[in-house]
Structures are given as C-alpha cells and as structure tokens.
All heavy atoms as atom14 arrays in JSON, in Angstrom:
{
  "sequence": "ALGEVQEIIDTCDFFTSEGRRLYGQTVPSEMPDKQLFTFRVPVGV",
  "atom14_mask": [
    [1, 1, 1, 1, 1, 0, 0, 0, 0, 0, 0, 0, 0, 0],
    [1, 1, 1, 1, 1, 1, 1, 1, 0, 0, 0, 0, 0, 0],
    [1, 1, 1, 1, 0, 0, 0, 0, 0, 0, 0, 0, 0, 0],
    [1, 1, 1, 1, 1, 1, 1, 1, 1, 0, 0, 0, 0, 0],
    [1, 1, 1, 1, 1, 1, 1, 0, 0, 0, 0, 0, 0, 0],
    [1, 1, 1, 1, 1, 1, 1, 1, 1, 0, 0, 0, 0, 0],
    [1, 1, 1, 1, 1, 1, 1, 1, 1, 0, 0, 0, 0, 0],
    [1, 1, 1, 1, 1, 1, 1, 1, 0, 0, 0, 0, 0, 0],
    [1, 1, 1, 1, 1, 1, 1, 1, 0, 0, 0, 0, 0, 0],
    [1, 1, 1, 1, 1, 1, 1, 1, 0, 0, 0, 0, 0, 0],
    [1, 1, 1, 1, 1, 1, 1, 0, 0, 0, 0, 0, 0, 0],
    [1, 1, 1, 1, 1, 1, 0, 0, 0, 0, 0, 0, 0, 0],
    [1, 1, 1, 1, 1, 1, 1, 1, 0, 0, 0, 0, 0, 0],
    [1, 1, 1, 1, 1, 1, 1, 1, 1, 1, 1, 0, 0, 0],
    [1, 1, 1, 1, 1, 1, 1, 1, 1, 1, 1, 0, 0, 0],
    [1, 1, 1, 1, 1, 1, 1, 0, 0, 0, 0, 0, 0, 0],
    [1, 1, 1, 1, 1, 1, 0, 0, 0, 0, 0, 0, 0, 0],
    [1, 1, 1, 1, 1, 1, 1, 1, 1, 0, 0, 0, 0, 0],
    [1, 1, 1, 1, 0, 0, 0, 0, 0, 0, 0, 0, 0, 0],
    [1, 1, 1, 1, 1, 1, 1, 1, 1, 1, 1, 0, 0, 0],
    [1, 1, 1, 1, 1, 1, 1, 1, 1, 1, 1, 0, 0, 0],
    [1, 1, 1, 1, 1, 1, 1, 1, 0, 0, 0, 0, 0, 0],
    [1, 1, 1, 1, 1, 1, 1, 1, 1, 1, 1, 1, 0, 0],
    [1, 1, 1, 1, 0, 0, 0, 0, 0, 0, 0, 0, 0, 0],
    [1, 1, 1, 1, 1, 1, 1, 1, 1, 0, 0, 0, 0, 0],
    [1, 1, 1, 1, 1, 1, 1, 0, 0, 0, 0, 0, 0, 0],
    [1, 1, 1, 1, 1, 1, 1, 0, 0, 0, 0, 0, 0, 0],
    [1, 1, 1, 1, 1, 1, 1, 0, 0, 0, 0, 0, 0, 0],
    [1, 1, 1, 1, 1, 1, 0, 0, 0, 0, 0, 0, 0, 0],
    [1, 1, 1, 1, 1, 1, 1, 1, 1, 0, 0, 0, 0, 0],
    [1, 1, 1, 1, 1, 1, 1, 1, 0, 0, 0, 0, 0, 0],
    [1, 1, 1, 1, 1, 1, 1, 0, 0, 0, 0, 0, 0, 0],
    [1, 1, 1, 1, 1, 1, 1, 1, 0, 0, 0, 0, 0, 0],
    [1, 1, 1, 1, 1, 1, 1, 1, 1, 0, 0, 0, 0, 0],
    [1, 1, 1, 1, 1, 1, 1, 1, 1, 0, 0, 0, 0, 0],
    [1, 1, 1, 1, 1, 1, 1, 1, 0, 0, 0, 0, 0, 0],
    [1, 1, 1, 1, 1, 1, 1, 1, 1, 1, 1, 0, 0, 0],
    [1, 1, 1, 1, 1, 1, 1, 0, 0, 0, 0, 0, 0, 0],
    [1, 1, 1, 1, 1, 1, 1, 1, 1, 1, 1, 0, 0, 0],
    [1, 1, 1, 1, 1, 1, 1, 1, 1, 1, 1, 0, 0, 0],
    [1, 1, 1, 1, 1, 1, 1, 0, 0, 0, 0, 0, 0, 0],
    [1, 1, 1, 1, 1, 1, 1, 0, 0, 0, 0, 0, 0, 0],
    [1, 1, 1, 1, 1, 1, 1, 0, 0, 0, 0, 0, 0, 0],
    [1, 1, 1, 1, 0, 0, 0, 0, 0, 0, 0, 0, 0, 0],
    [1, 1, 1, 1, 1, 1, 1, 0, 0, 0, 0, 0, 0, 0]
  ],
  "atom14_positions": [
    [[-15.87, 8.61, -24.06], [-14.66, 7.8, -24.25], [-13.43, 8.55, -23.76], [-12.52, 7.96, -23.16], [-14.51, 7.42, -25.71], [0.0, 0.0, 0.0], [0.0, 0.0, 0.0], [0.0, 0.0, 0.0], [0.0, 0.0, 0.0], [0.0, 0.0, 0.0], [0.0, 0.0, 0.0], [0.0, 0.0, 0.0], [0.0, 0.0, 0.0], [0.0, 0.0, 0.0]],
    [[-13.38, 9.85, -24.01], [-12.28, 10.66, -23.48], [-12.26, 10.61, -21.96], [-11.2, 10.48, -21.33], [-12.41, 12.1, -23.96], [-12.05, 12.4, -25.42], [-12.46, 13.81, -25.78], [-10.56, 12.2, -25.66], [0.0, 0.0, 0.0], [0.0, 0.0, 0.0], [0.0, 0.0, 0.0], [0.0, 0.0, 0.0], [0.0, 0.0, 0.0], [0.0, 0.0, 0.0]],
    [[-13.44, 10.69, -21.36], [-13.53, 10.59, -19.9], [-13.08, 9.24, -19.39], [-12.48, 9.13, -18.32], [0.0, 0.0, 0.0], [0.0, 0.0, 0.0], [0.0, 0.0, 0.0], [0.0, 0.0, 0.0], [0.0, 0.0, 0.0], [0.0, 0.0, 0.0], [0.0, 0.0, 0.0], [0.0, 0.0, 0.0], [0.0, 0.0, 0.0], [0.0, 0.0, 0.0]],
    [[-13.37, 8.19, -20.15], [-12.96, 6.85, -19.74], [-11.44, 6.72, -19.73], [-10.86, 6.15, -18.8], [-13.57, 5.8, -20.66], [-13.09, 4.41, -20.34], [-13.96, 3.32, -20.91], [-15.05, 3.61, -21.43], [-13.56, 2.14, -20.81], [0.0, 0.0, 0.0], [0.0, 0.0, 0.0], [0.0, 0.0, 0.0], [0.0, 0.0, 0.0], [0.0, 0.0, 0.0]],
    [[-10.79, 7.24, -20.76], [-9.32, 7.19, -20.78], [-8.75, 8.04, -19.67], [-7.74, 7.7, -19.04], [-8.78, 7.63, -22.15], [-7.25, 7.57, -22.16], [-9.34, 6.74, -23.26], [0.0, 0.0, 0.0], [0.0, 0.0, 0.0], [0.0, 0.0, 0.0], [0.0, 0.0, 0.0], [0.0, 0.0, 0.0], [0.0, 0.0, 0.0], [0.0, 0.0, 0.0]],
    [[-9.4, 9.17, -19.38], [-8.95, 10.01, -18.26], [-9.0, 9.25, -16.94], [-8.16, 9.44, -16.06], [-9.8, 11.27, -18.17], [-9.35, 12.27, -17.11], [-7.95, 12.8, -17.38], [-7.64, 13.18, -18.5], [-7.11, 12.83, -16.35], [0.0, 0.0, 0.0], [0.0, 0.0, 0.0], [0.0, 0.0, 0.0], [0.0, 0.0, 0.0], [0.0, 0.0, 0.0]],
    [[-9.97, 8.34, -16.81], [-10.05, 7.53, -15.59], [-8.81, 6.66, -15.42], [-8.33, 6.47, -14.29], [-11.31, 6.64, -15.66], [-11.53, 5.78, -14.43], [-12.03, 6.55, -13.22], [-12.44, 7.72, -13.39], [-11.99, 6.0, -12.11], [0.0, 0.0, 0.0], [0.0, 0.0, 0.0], [0.0, 0.0, 0.0], [0.0, 0.0, 0.0], [0.0, 0.0, 0.0]],
    [[-8.27, 6.15, -16.52], [-7.01, 5.38, -16.43], [-5.88, 6.29, -15.95], [-5.08, 5.91, -15.1], [-6.62, 4.77, -17.79], [-7.78, 4.02, -18.41], [-5.42, 3.85, -17.63], [-7.5, 3.56, -19.83], [0.0, 0.0, 0.0], [0.0, 0.0, 0.0], [0.0, 0.0, 0.0], [0.0, 0.0, 0.0], [0.0, 0.0, 0.0], [0.0, 0.0, 0.0]],
    [[-5.81, 7.47, -16.53], [-4.76, 8.43, -16.16], [-4.86, 8.77, -14.68], [-3.85, 8.8, -13.96], [-4.87, 9.69, -17.03], [-4.64, 9.34, -18.51], [-3.9, 10.78, -16.57], [-5.06, 10.42, -19.48], [0.0, 0.0, 0.0], [0.0, 0.0, 0.0], [0.0, 0.0, 0.0], [0.0, 0.0, 0.0], [0.0, 0.0, 0.0], [0.0, 0.0, 0.0]],
    [[-6.08, 9.02, -14.21], [-6.28, 9.33, -12.79], [-5.89, 8.15, -11.9], [-5.3, 8.34, -10.82], [-7.75, 9.7, -12.54], [-8.15, 11.0, -13.21], [-7.26, 11.75, -13.65], [-9.36, 11.25, -13.32], [0.0, 0.0, 0.0], [0.0, 0.0, 0.0], [0.0, 0.0, 0.0], [0.0, 0.0, 0.0], [0.0, 0.0, 0.0], [0.0, 0.0, 0.0]],
    [[-6.22, 6.94, -12.35], [-5.88, 5.75, -11.57], [-4.37, 5.58, -11.48], [-3.82, 5.29, -10.41], [-6.53, 4.5, -12.2], [-7.95, 4.65, -12.17], [-6.15, 3.24, -11.44], [0.0, 0.0, 0.0], [0.0, 0.0, 0.0], [0.0, 0.0, 0.0], [0.0, 0.0, 0.0], [0.0, 0.0, 0.0], [0.0, 0.0, 0.0], [0.0, 0.0, 0.0]],
    [[-3.68, 5.78, -12.6], [-2.22, 5.71, -12.59], [-1.62, 6.78, -11.69], [-0.66, 6.54, -10.95], [-1.67, 5.84, -14.02], [-1.96, 4.43, -15.08], [0.0, 0.0, 0.0], [0.0, 0.0, 0.0], [0.0, 0.0, 0.0], [0.0, 0.0, 0.0], [0.0, 0.0, 0.0], [0.0, 0.0, 0.0], [0.0, 0.0, 0.0], [0.0, 0.0, 0.0]],
    [[-2.21, 7.97, -11.74], [-1.72, 9.07, -10.91], [-1.84, 8.73, -9.43], [-0.91, 8.94, -8.64], [-2.51, 10.34, -11.24], [-2.0, 11.55, -10.49], [-0.81, 11.86, -10.58], [-2.82, 12.2, -9.8], [0.0, 0.0, 0.0], [0.0, 0.0, 0.0], [0.0, 0.0, 0.0], [0.0, 0.0, 0.0], [0.0, 0.0, 0.0], [0.0, 0.0, 0.0]],
    [[-2.98, 8.17, -9.05], [-3.2, 7.82, -7.64], [-2.2, 6.77, -7.19], [-1.56, 6.89, -6.13], [-4.62, 7.32, -7.45], [-4.94, 6.94, -6.02], [-5.41, 7.88, -5.12], [-4.74, 5.64, -5.57], [-5.67, 7.54, -3.8], [-5.01, 5.29, -4.27], [-5.48, 6.24, -3.38], [0.0, 0.0, 0.0], [0.0, 0.0, 0.0], [0.0, 0.0, 0.0]],
    [[-2.04, 5.7, -7.98], [-1.2, 4.6, -7.54], [0.29, 4.86, -7.74], [1.11, 4.16, -7.14], [-1.65, 3.29, -8.2], [-2.92, 2.76, -7.58], [-4.12, 2.92, -8.24], [-2.9, 2.17, -6.34], [-5.29, 2.47, -7.66], [-4.06, 1.72, -5.75], [-5.27, 1.87, -6.42], [0.0, 0.0, 0.0], [0.0, 0.0, 0.0], [0.0, 0.0, 0.0]],
    [[0.63, 5.84, -8.55], [2.03, 6.27, -8.59], [2.46, 6.76, -7.21], [3.54, 6.4, -6.71], [2.21, 7.4, -9.62], [1.98, 6.88, -10.93], [3.62, 7.96, -9.56], [0.0, 0.0, 0.0], [0.0, 0.0, 0.0], [0.0, 0.0, 0.0], [0.0, 0.0, 0.0], [0.0, 0.0, 0.0], [0.0, 0.0, 0.0], [0.0, 0.0, 0.0]],
    [[1.61, 7.53, -6.58], [1.92, 8.0, -5.22], [1.83, 6.88, -4.2], [2.61, 6.83, -3.25], [0.96, 9.14, -4.84], [1.08, 10.24, -5.72], [0.0, 0.0, 0.0], [0.0, 0.0, 0.0], [0.0, 0.0, 0.0], [0.0, 0.0, 0.0], [0.0, 0.0, 0.0], [0.0, 0.0, 0.0], [0.0, 0.0, 0.0], [0.0, 0.0, 0.0]],
    [[0.91, 5.96, -4.43], [0.72, 4.87, -3.47], [1.94, 3.96, -3.42], [2.14, 3.23, -2.44], [-0.54, 4.07, -3.82], [-1.15, 3.33, -2.66], [-1.56, 4.25, -1.53], [-1.99, 5.39, -1.8], [-1.45, 3.82, -0.37], [0.0, 0.0, 0.0], [0.0, 0.0, 0.0], [0.0, 0.0, 0.0], [0.0, 0.0, 0.0], [0.0, 0.0, 0.0]],
    [[2.77, 4.01, -4.46], [3.99, 3.21, -4.46], [4.96, 3.57, -3.35], [5.84, 2.77, -3.0], [0.0, 0.0, 0.0], [0.0, 0.0, 0.0], [0.0, 0.0, 0.0], [0.0, 0.0, 0.0], [0.0, 0.0, 0.0], [0.0, 0.0, 0.0], [0.0, 0.0, 0.0], [0.0, 0.0, 0.0], [0.0, 0.0, 0.0], [0.0, 0.0, 0.0]],
    [[4.84, 4.76, -2.81], [5.67, 5.15, -1.66], [4.88, 5.12, -0.35], [5.36, 5.61, 0.67], [6.26, 6.53, -1.89], [7.26, 6.55, -3.04], [7.97, 7.88, -3.18], [8.91, 7.84, -4.29], [10.17, 7.4, -4.2], [10.64, 6.97, -3.05], [10.94, 7.4, -5.26], [0.0, 0.0, 0.0], [0.0, 0.0, 0.0], [0.0, 0.0, 0.0]],
    [[3.67, 4.55, -0.42], [2.82, 4.49, 0.78], [2.2, 3.13, 0.96], [1.12, 3.01, 1.52], [1.7, 5.53, 0.69], [2.11, 6.95, 0.87], [0.88, 7.82, 1.13], [-0.09, 7.71, 0.05], [-0.14, 8.53, -0.98], [0.72, 9.53, -1.1], [-1.05, 8.36, -1.93], [0.0, 0.0, 0.0], [0.0, 0.0, 0.0], [0.0, 0.0, 0.0]],
    [[2.82, 2.08, 0.48], [2.24, 0.75, 0.65], [2.52, 0.29, 2.09], [3.29, -0.63, 2.35], [2.84, -0.23, -0.37], [2.0, -1.45, -0.71], [0.65, -1.04, -1.3], [2.74, -2.35, -1.69], [0.0, 0.0, 0.0], [0.0, 0.0, 0.0], [0.0, 0.0, 0.0], [0.0, 0.0, 0.0], [0.0, 0.0, 0.0], [0.0, 0.0, 0.0]],
    [[1.83, 0.97, 2.99], [2.18, 0.91, 4.41], [1.86, -0.44, 5.05], [0.81, -1.02, 4.83], [1.43, 1.98, 5.19], [1.77, 3.39, 4.84], [0.77, 4.37, 4.81], [3.07, 3.78, 4.54], [1.06, 5.69, 4.51], [3.37, 5.09, 4.22], [2.37, 6.04, 4.2], [2.65, 7.34, 3.89], [0.0, 0.0, 0.0], [0.0, 0.0, 0.0]],
    [[2.79, -0.89, 5.89], [2.49, -1.86, 6.93], [2.42, -1.09, 8.24], [2.35, 0.14, 8.26], [0.0, 0.0, 0.0], [0.0, 0.0, 0.0], [0.0, 0.0, 0.0], [0.0, 0.0, 0.0], [0.0, 0.0, 0.0], [0.0, 0.0, 0.0], [0.0, 0.0, 0.0], [0.0, 0.0, 0.0], [0.0, 0.0, 0.0], [0.0, 0.0, 0.0]],
    [[2.47, -1.81, 9.36], [2.4, -1.15, 10.67], [3.34, -1.84, 11.65], [3.63, -3.03, 11.51], [0.97, -1.22, 11.23], [-0.05, -0.44, 10.43], [-1.45, -0.64, 10.99], [-1.87, -1.76, 11.25], [-2.17, 0.46, 11.17], [0.0, 0.0, 0.0], [0.0, 0.0, 0.0], [0.0, 0.0, 0.0], [0.0, 0.0, 0.0], [0.0, 0.0, 0.0]],
    [[3.8, -1.07, 12.63], [4.45, -1.67, 13.8], [3.42, -1.71, 14.91], [2.59, -0.81, 15.04], [5.67, -0.85, 14.25], [5.26, 0.49, 14.55], [6.73, -0.82, 13.16], [0.0, 0.0, 0.0], [0.0, 0.0, 0.0], [0.0, 0.0, 0.0], [0.0, 0.0, 0.0], [0.0, 0.0, 0.0], [0.0, 0.0, 0.0], [0.0, 0.0, 0.0]],
    [[3.46, -2.78, 15.7], [2.48, -3.0, 16.74], [3.22, -3.29, 18.04], [4.16, -4.09, 18.04], [1.56, -4.2, 16.39], [0.48, -4.38, 17.45], [0.94, -4.01, 15.02], [0.0, 0.0, 0.0], [0.0, 0.0, 0.0], [0.0, 0.0, 0.0], [0.0, 0.0, 0.0], [0.0, 0.0, 0.0], [0.0, 0.0, 0.0], [0.0, 0.0, 0.0]],
    [[2.85, -2.66, 19.15], [3.57, -2.92, 20.41], [3.31, -4.33, 20.91], [2.2, -4.85, 20.82], [2.99, -1.88, 21.37], [1.65, -1.53, 20.8], [1.8, -1.63, 19.32], [0.0, 0.0, 0.0], [0.0, 0.0, 0.0], [0.0, 0.0, 0.0], [0.0, 0.0, 0.0], [0.0, 0.0, 0.0], [0.0, 0.0, 0.0], [0.0, 0.0, 0.0]],
    [[4.36, -4.94, 21.44], [4.24, -6.28, 22.02], [3.9, -6.19, 23.5], [4.22, -5.21, 24.17], [5.55, -7.05, 21.83], [5.5, -8.3, 22.5], [0.0, 0.0, 0.0], [0.0, 0.0, 0.0], [0.0, 0.0, 0.0], [0.0, 0.0, 0.0], [0.0, 0.0, 0.0], [0.0, 0.0, 0.0], [0.0, 0.0, 0.0], [0.0, 0.0, 0.0]],
    [[3.3, -7.24, 24.02], [3.01, -7.3, 25.45], [4.21, -7.8, 26.24], [4.15, -7.92, 27.46], [1.82, -8.24, 25.69], [2.08, -9.69, 25.32], [0.84, -10.55, 25.38], [-0.23, -10.1, 24.89], [0.93, -11.67, 25.91], [0.0, 0.0, 0.0], [0.0, 0.0, 0.0], [0.0, 0.0, 0.0], [0.0, 0.0, 0.0], [0.0, 0.0, 0.0]],
    [[5.33, -8.08, 25.55], [6.53, -8.6, 26.2], [7.72, -7.69, 25.93], [7.77, -7.02, 24.9], [6.83, -10.01, 25.68], [5.73, -11.0, 25.98], [6.07, -12.62, 25.29], [4.67, -13.53, 25.93], [0.0, 0.0, 0.0], [0.0, 0.0, 0.0], [0.0, 0.0, 0.0], [0.0, 0.0, 0.0], [0.0, 0.0, 0.0], [0.0, 0.0, 0.0]],
    [[8.69, -7.67, 26.85], [9.87, -6.84, 26.63], [10.78, -7.43, 25.55], [10.74, -8.63, 25.26], [10.56, -6.84, 27.99], [10.14, -8.15, 28.6], [8.74, -8.38, 28.14], [0.0, 0.0, 0.0], [0.0, 0.0, 0.0], [0.0, 0.0, 0.0], [0.0, 0.0, 0.0], [0.0, 0.0, 0.0], [0.0, 0.0, 0.0], [0.0, 0.0, 0.0]],
    [[11.6, -6.59, 24.96], [12.6, -7.02, 23.98], [11.96, -7.83, 22.85], [12.45, -8.87, 22.43], [13.69, -7.85, 24.66], [14.47, -7.05, 25.68], [14.59, -5.82, 25.49], [14.9, -7.64, 26.68], [0.0, 0.0, 0.0], [0.0, 0.0, 0.0], [0.0, 0.0, 0.0], [0.0, 0.0, 0.0], [0.0, 0.0, 0.0], [0.0, 0.0, 0.0]],
    [[10.85, -7.31, 22.36], [10.15, -7.98, 21.27], [9.42, -6.92, 20.44], [8.8, -6.01, 21.0], [9.15, -9.0, 21.83], [8.46, -9.87, 20.78], [7.52, -10.86, 21.45], [6.86, -11.77, 20.43], [5.92, -12.72, 21.08], [0.0, 0.0, 0.0], [0.0, 0.0, 0.0], [0.0, 0.0, 0.0], [0.0, 0.0, 0.0], [0.0, 0.0, 0.0]],
    [[9.5, -7.02, 19.11], [8.82, -6.08, 18.22], [7.88, -6.84, 17.28], [8.17, -7.96, 16.85], [9.85, -5.3, 17.38], [10.77, -4.4, 18.19], [10.03, -3.23, 18.81], [9.08, -2.7, 18.22], [10.45, -2.82, 20.0], [0.0, 0.0, 0.0], [0.0, 0.0, 0.0], [0.0, 0.0, 0.0], [0.0, 0.0, 0.0], [0.0, 0.0, 0.0]],
    [[6.77, -6.21, 16.96], [5.77, -6.8, 16.07], [5.6, -5.93, 14.84], [5.56, -4.69, 14.94], [4.43, -6.95, 16.79], [4.44, -7.67, 18.14], [3.02, -7.72, 18.7], [5.01, -9.07, 18.01], [0.0, 0.0, 0.0], [0.0, 0.0, 0.0], [0.0, 0.0, 0.0], [0.0, 0.0, 0.0], [0.0, 0.0, 0.0], [0.0, 0.0, 0.0]],
    [[5.46, -6.55, 13.68], [5.37, -5.83, 12.41], [4.27, -6.45, 11.54], [3.95, -7.63, 11.67], [6.69, -5.9, 11.62], [7.9, -5.48, 12.4], [8.58, -6.4, 13.2], [8.39, -4.18, 12.32], [9.71, -6.03, 13.91], [9.51, -3.8, 13.03], [10.18, -4.72, 13.82], [0.0, 0.0, 0.0], [0.0, 0.0, 0.0], [0.0, 0.0, 0.0]],
    [[3.75, -5.67, 10.64], [2.86, -6.2, 9.6], [3.32, -5.67, 8.24], [3.81, -4.54, 8.13], [1.39, -5.81, 9.81], [1.24, -4.39, 9.69], [0.9, -6.27, 11.17], [0.0, 0.0, 0.0], [0.0, 0.0, 0.0], [0.0, 0.0, 0.0], [0.0, 0.0, 0.0], [0.0, 0.0, 0.0], [0.0, 0.0, 0.0], [0.0, 0.0, 0.0]],
    [[3.15, -6.48, 7.21], [3.57, -6.14, 5.86], [2.47, -6.52, 4.87], [1.75, -7.5, 5.07], [4.85, -6.9, 5.47], [6.01, -6.69, 6.39], [6.18, -7.5, 7.51], [6.94, -5.69, 6.15], [7.25, -7.32, 8.37], [8.01, -5.5, 7.01], [8.17, -6.31, 8.12], [0.0, 0.0, 0.0], [0.0, 0.0, 0.0], [0.0, 0.0, 0.0]],
    [[2.39, -5.77, 3.78], [1.56, -6.16, 2.65], [2.44, -6.93, 1.66], [3.5, -6.44, 1.28], [0.96, -4.95, 1.94], [-0.19, -4.28, 2.68], [-0.83, -3.24, 1.77], [-1.92, -2.52, 2.4], [-3.19, -2.91, 2.39], [-3.53, -4.06, 1.81], [-4.14, -2.19, 2.96], [0.0, 0.0, 0.0], [0.0, 0.0, 0.0], [0.0, 0.0, 0.0]],
    [[2.01, -8.11, 1.27], [2.75, -8.89, 0.28], [1.82, -9.18, -0.89], [0.6, -9.31, -0.72], [3.29, -10.2, 0.88], [4.29, -9.92, 1.98], [2.16, -11.07, 1.41], [0.0, 0.0, 0.0], [0.0, 0.0, 0.0], [0.0, 0.0, 0.0], [0.0, 0.0, 0.0], [0.0, 0.0, 0.0], [0.0, 0.0, 0.0], [0.0, 0.0, 0.0]],
    [[2.36, -9.27, -2.1], [1.5, -9.52, -3.27], [0.81, -10.87, -3.19], [1.33, -11.83, -2.6], [2.46, -9.44, -4.45], [3.82, -9.65, -3.87], [3.77, -9.11, -2.48], [0.0, 0.0, 0.0], [0.0, 0.0, 0.0], [0.0, 0.0, 0.0], [0.0, 0.0, 0.0], [0.0, 0.0, 0.0], [0.0, 0.0, 0.0], [0.0, 0.0, 0.0]],
    [[-0.36, -10.94, -3.78], [-1.12, -12.19, -3.81], [-0.41, -13.22, -4.69], [-0.31, -14.39, -4.34], [-2.55, -11.92, -4.34], [-3.29, -13.22, -4.57], [-3.32, -11.05, -3.36], [0.0, 0.0, 0.0], [0.0, 0.0, 0.0], [0.0, 0.0, 0.0], [0.0, 0.0, 0.0], [0.0, 0.0, 0.0], [0.0, 0.0, 0.0], [0.0, 0.0, 0.0]],
    [[0.04, -12.8, -5.87], [0.7, -13.71, -6.8], [0.24, -13.45, -8.22], [0.58, -12.44, -8.82], [0.0, 0.0, 0.0], [0.0, 0.0, 0.0], [0.0, 0.0, 0.0], [0.0, 0.0, 0.0], [0.0, 0.0, 0.0], [0.0, 0.0, 0.0], [0.0, 0.0, 0.0], [0.0, 0.0, 0.0], [0.0, 0.0, 0.0], [0.0, 0.0, 0.0]],
    [[-0.57, -14.35, -8.75], [-1.12, -14.22, -10.1], [-2.59, -13.88, -10.0], [-3.36, -14.61, -9.35], [-0.92, -15.5, -10.92], [-1.64, -15.41, -12.27], [0.57, -15.76, -11.15], [0.0, 0.0, 0.0], [0.0, 0.0, 0.0], [0.0, 0.0, 0.0], [0.0, 0.0, 0.0], [0.0, 0.0, 0.0], [0.0, 0.0, 0.0], [0.0, 0.0, 0.0]]
  ]
}
C-alpha cells in the first residue's frame, strides 16, 4: 500500500514537469509566407 501511494507521488512528479513540456510542433509549409503549427488541446470531460 505504501508503494501504491508512492506511485501517485511519482505520477504527480512526472506530470509536474510535463506542464512545461506539453509540446506542439511547427511544420514547414510547401508555400512561401506561410507557417504551420500543431497544438495539444484538452478533450473536455
């Protein structure tokens, strides 16, 4: 049971850092004067 609670602590520790790494990406366009982006958005409920 102690190990199980530690798993929650470890999970919180991992995603605390992930809060500054919820990365999207920039993608090069095949056309001039145009930029492409991707974002992660929440699902909802």
